[in-house]
């Protein structure tokens, strides 16, 4: 069983590394955005509530996000492990996650923190914005998103850091190199790839 959380600022390559981790460790990626979309598409009761809130231009409250994540973690494919992305975002969500995992006698195994140099990421994202013709991605907006991320995740990283769960990964460089750093850091924690793990 491998229960992971991945965090990283916009432009750190979190999406790419998440996809590689889920494939390598054979666990589903659980991202709140995907859960919202799936519930809206399937018109579940929770999905209808989320749609009404989003259509009104409001943020989905913690209580509803928590219910959706709890429901997703009960699905068969998540019983053997998962990779959380975008959740928890607040300390209330973190404590809720602790409680639902503890109810199953479980806990997170590691928190992968992708670390990047802000200036490097800003230039990377500005280049991408230019290539893709995204005129709204100015240096100011990109820097604002970076500081918002730092402010939002700092309290969570502090809690997980105290528990000794945080693995800092240098996210700059080639995609393969970053993937290798993650795999090595996880292996050092005794979290091996399924192929090499003792069955």
Protein backbone atom coordinates (compact mmCIF):
# COMPACT_ATOMS: atom_id res chain seq x y z
CA UNK A 1 0.00 0.00 0.00
CA UNK A 2 1.33 3.40 -0.98
CA UNK A 3 -0.44 6.54 0.19
CA UNK A 4 1.15 9.70 -1.11
CA UNK A 5 0.46 13.41 -1.36
CA UNK A 6 2.21 15.58 -3.95
CA UNK A 7 2.56 19.35 -3.63
CA UNK A 8 4.33 21.87 -5.80
CA UNK A 9 3.91 25.39 -7.13
CA UNK A 10 2.42 26.13 -10.58
CA UNK A 11 5.02 25.28 -13.20
CA UNK A 12 6.91 22.73 -11.08
CA UNK A 13 5.78 19.84 -13.30
CA UNK A 14 3.38 18.37 -10.74
CA UNK A 15 0.96 17.05 -13.38
CA UNK A 16 3.72 15.23 -15.25
CA UNK A 17 5.23 13.69 -12.11
CA UNK A 18 1.78 12.72 -10.78
CA UNK A 19 1.04 10.80 -13.99
CA UNK A 20 4.38 8.98 -13.75
CA UNK A 21 3.92 8.14 -10.07
CA UNK A 22 0.44 6.69 -10.54
CA UNK A 23 1.71 4.51 -13.37
CA UNK A 24 4.89 3.38 -11.58
CA UNK A 25 3.23 2.63 -8.24
CA UNK A 26 -0.07 1.44 -9.78
CA UNK A 27 -2.20 3.77 -7.66
CA UNK A 28 -4.94 6.18 -8.74
CA UNK A 29 -4.33 9.92 -8.77
CA UNK A 30 -6.97 11.63 -6.69
CA UNK A 31 -7.26 15.30 -7.63
CA UNK A 32 -10.14 17.37 -6.29
CA UNK A 33 -10.75 18.99 -9.69
CA UNK A 34 -11.19 15.57 -11.30
CA UNK A 35 -13.52 14.44 -8.50
CA UNK A 36 -15.67 17.57 -8.93
CA UNK A 37 -15.88 17.04 -12.70
CA UNK A 38 -16.69 13.32 -12.39
CA UNK A 39 -19.49 13.94 -9.87
CA UNK A 40 -20.95 16.78 -11.96
CA UNK A 41 -20.81 14.63 -15.10
CA UNK A 42 -22.45 11.66 -13.34
CA UNK A 43 -25.00 13.99 -11.75
CA UNK A 44 -24.51 12.56 -8.26
CA UNK A 45 -26.17 14.38 -5.35
CA UNK A 46 -22.79 15.79 -4.33
CA UNK A 47 -22.10 16.70 -7.96
CA UNK A 48 -25.32 18.71 -8.20
CA UNK A 49 -24.35 20.64 -5.07
CA UNK A 50 -20.87 21.35 -6.45
CA UNK A 51 -22.27 22.49 -9.82
CA UNK A 52 -24.67 24.94 -8.17
CA UNK A 53 -21.80 26.42 -6.11
CA UNK A 54 -19.40 26.67 -9.07
CA UNK A 55 -22.12 28.13 -11.33
CA UNK A 56 -22.69 30.82 -8.70
CA UNK A 57 -18.97 31.62 -8.89
CA UNK A 58 -18.29 30.52 -5.31
CA UNK A 59 -15.59 28.28 -3.85
CA UNK A 60 -16.59 24.74 -2.91
CA UNK A 61 -16.61 24.67 0.93
CA UNK A 62 -14.31 22.36 2.90
CA UNK A 63 -17.23 20.25 4.16
CA UNK A 64 -18.35 19.34 0.64
CA UNK A 65 -14.80 18.82 -0.64
CA UNK A 66 -14.16 16.55 2.35
CA UNK A 67 -17.28 14.48 1.60
CA UNK A 68 -16.26 14.07 -2.04
CA UNK A 69 -12.71 13.01 -1.16
CA UNK A 70 -13.96 10.61 1.56
CA UNK A 71 -16.34 9.03 -0.95
CA UNK A 72 -13.54 8.74 -3.56
CA UNK A 73 -11.16 7.09 -1.07
CA UNK A 74 -13.78 4.38 -0.45
CA UNK A 75 -13.75 3.31 -4.11
CA UNK A 76 -12.12 -0.09 -4.77
CA UNK A 77 -9.16 1.25 -6.80
CA UNK A 78 -8.05 3.46 -3.88
CA UNK A 79 -8.06 0.67 -1.28
CA UNK A 80 -4.50 -0.34 -2.19
CA UNK A 81 -3.15 3.21 -2.11
CA UNK A 82 -3.44 6.55 -3.89
CA UNK A 83 -1.71 9.78 -4.83
CA UNK A 84 -3.48 12.91 -3.59
CA UNK A 85 -3.05 16.08 -5.61
CA UNK A 86 -4.64 19.40 -4.62
CA UNK A 87 -6.01 18.03 -1.34
CA UNK A 88 -5.69 18.83 1.52
CA UNK A 89 -5.47 22.59 0.91
CA UNK A 90 -6.36 23.79 4.41
CA UNK A 91 -5.56 22.63 7.94
CA UNK A 92 -9.22 21.65 8.42
CA UNK A 93 -8.97 19.41 5.36
CA UNK A 94 -5.69 17.96 6.67
CA UNK A 95 -7.32 17.01 9.98
CA UNK A 96 -10.33 15.54 8.18
CA UNK A 97 -8.00 13.43 6.00
CA UNK A 98 -6.17 12.24 9.14
CA UNK A 99 -9.50 11.15 10.62
CA UNK A 100 -10.77 9.23 7.58
CA UNK A 101 -7.43 7.45 7.12
CA UNK A 102 -7.19 6.68 10.86
CA UNK A 103 -10.67 5.13 10.72
CA UNK A 104 -9.11 2.55 8.36
CA UNK A 105 -6.02 2.25 10.55
CA UNK A 106 -4.02 4.08 7.89
CA UNK A 107 -1.98 7.26 7.39
CA UNK A 108 -0.04 9.00 4.63
CA UNK A 109 3.33 7.39 3.84
CA UNK A 110 5.03 10.46 2.41
CA UNK A 111 4.46 14.01 1.16
CA UNK A 112 6.41 14.76 -2.01
CA UNK A 113 7.23 18.46 -2.12
CA UNK A 114 8.46 19.65 -5.50
CA UNK A 115 10.86 22.53 -4.84
CA UNK A 116 11.78 25.05 -7.52
CA UNK A 117 13.58 28.36 -7.78
CA UNK A 118 10.82 30.97 -8.22
CA UNK A 119 12.74 33.03 -10.80
CA UNK A 120 13.44 29.90 -12.82
CA UNK A 121 9.76 28.92 -12.79
CA UNK A 122 8.64 32.46 -13.68
CA UNK A 123 10.89 32.48 -16.75
CA UNK A 124 9.73 28.95 -17.67
CA UNK A 125 6.04 29.93 -17.42
CA UNK A 126 6.55 33.22 -19.27
CA UNK A 127 8.21 31.29 -22.10
CA UNK A 128 5.30 28.83 -22.19
CA UNK A 129 2.76 31.66 -22.10
CA UNK A 130 4.50 33.29 -25.06
CA UNK A 131 4.58 30.00 -27.03
CA UNK A 132 0.92 29.26 -26.30
CA UNK A 133 -0.21 32.86 -26.75
CA UNK A 134 -1.48 33.24 -23.18
CA UNK A 135 -1.48 37.02 -22.83
CA UNK A 136 -2.99 36.88 -19.32
CA UNK A 137 0.05 35.03 -17.96
CA UNK A 138 2.12 38.10 -17.10
CA UNK A 139 5.10 38.03 -14.77
CA UNK A 140 2.96 39.74 -12.12
CA UNK A 141 0.18 37.10 -12.29
CA UNK A 142 2.69 34.24 -12.28
CA UNK A 143 4.52 35.65 -9.24
CA UNK A 144 1.17 36.21 -7.50
CA UNK A 145 0.21 32.55 -8.04
CA UNK A 146 3.59 31.45 -6.70
CA UNK A 147 3.23 33.48 -3.49
CA UNK A 148 -0.37 32.33 -3.09
CA UNK A 149 0.83 28.72 -3.30
CA UNK A 150 3.57 29.35 -0.72
CA UNK A 151 1.10 31.00 1.66
CA UNK A 152 -1.50 28.26 1.19
CA UNK A 153 0.80 25.26 1.61
CA UNK A 154 3.21 26.57 4.27
CA UNK A 155 0.96 25.55 7.22
CA UNK A 156 0.39 22.08 5.73
CA UNK A 157 4.08 21.52 5.02
CA UNK A 158 4.84 22.60 8.60
CA UNK A 159 2.47 19.95 10.04
CA UNK A 160 3.66 17.17 7.72
CA UNK A 161 7.27 18.26 8.28
CA UNK A 162 6.87 17.82 12.04
CA UNK A 163 5.63 14.29 11.35
CA UNK A 164 8.74 13.61 9.26
CA UNK A 165 6.68 12.90 6.14
CA UNK A 166 8.00 15.59 3.79
CA UNK A 167 10.42 14.60 1.04
CA UNK A 168 11.87 17.67 -0.69
CA UNK A 169 12.59 17.07 -4.36
CA UNK A 170 14.53 19.43 -6.60
CA UNK A 171 12.02 19.77 -9.45
CA UNK A 172 14.30 21.57 -11.90
CA UNK A 173 16.00 19.70 -14.73
CA UNK A 174 14.90 16.92 -17.06
CA UNK A 175 11.58 15.18 -16.35
CA UNK A 176 13.30 11.76 -16.12
CA UNK A 177 15.84 13.11 -13.61
CA UNK A 178 13.10 14.49 -11.39
CA UNK A 179 11.20 11.16 -11.58
CA UNK A 180 14.39 9.32 -10.57
CA UNK A 181 14.93 11.65 -7.60
CA UNK A 182 11.38 10.95 -6.41
CA UNK A 183 11.74 7.17 -6.83
CA UNK A 184 15.08 7.15 -4.97
CA UNK A 185 13.73 9.29 -2.11
CA UNK A 186 10.68 7.04 -1.76
CA UNK A 187 12.83 3.88 -1.89
CA UNK A 188 14.99 5.34 0.90
CA UNK A 189 11.76 5.50 2.94
CA UNK A 190 11.03 1.84 2.21
CA UNK A 191 8.41 2.69 -0.42
CA UNK A 192 9.53 0.51 -3.30
CA UNK A 193 8.06 0.16 -6.77
CA UNK A 194 5.49 -2.69 -6.97
CA UNK A 195 7.70 -4.76 -9.31
CA UNK A 196 10.56 -4.84 -6.83
CA UNK A 197 8.47 -5.03 -3.69
CA UNK A 198 8.15 -8.37 -1.96
CA UNK A 199 4.71 -9.75 -2.71
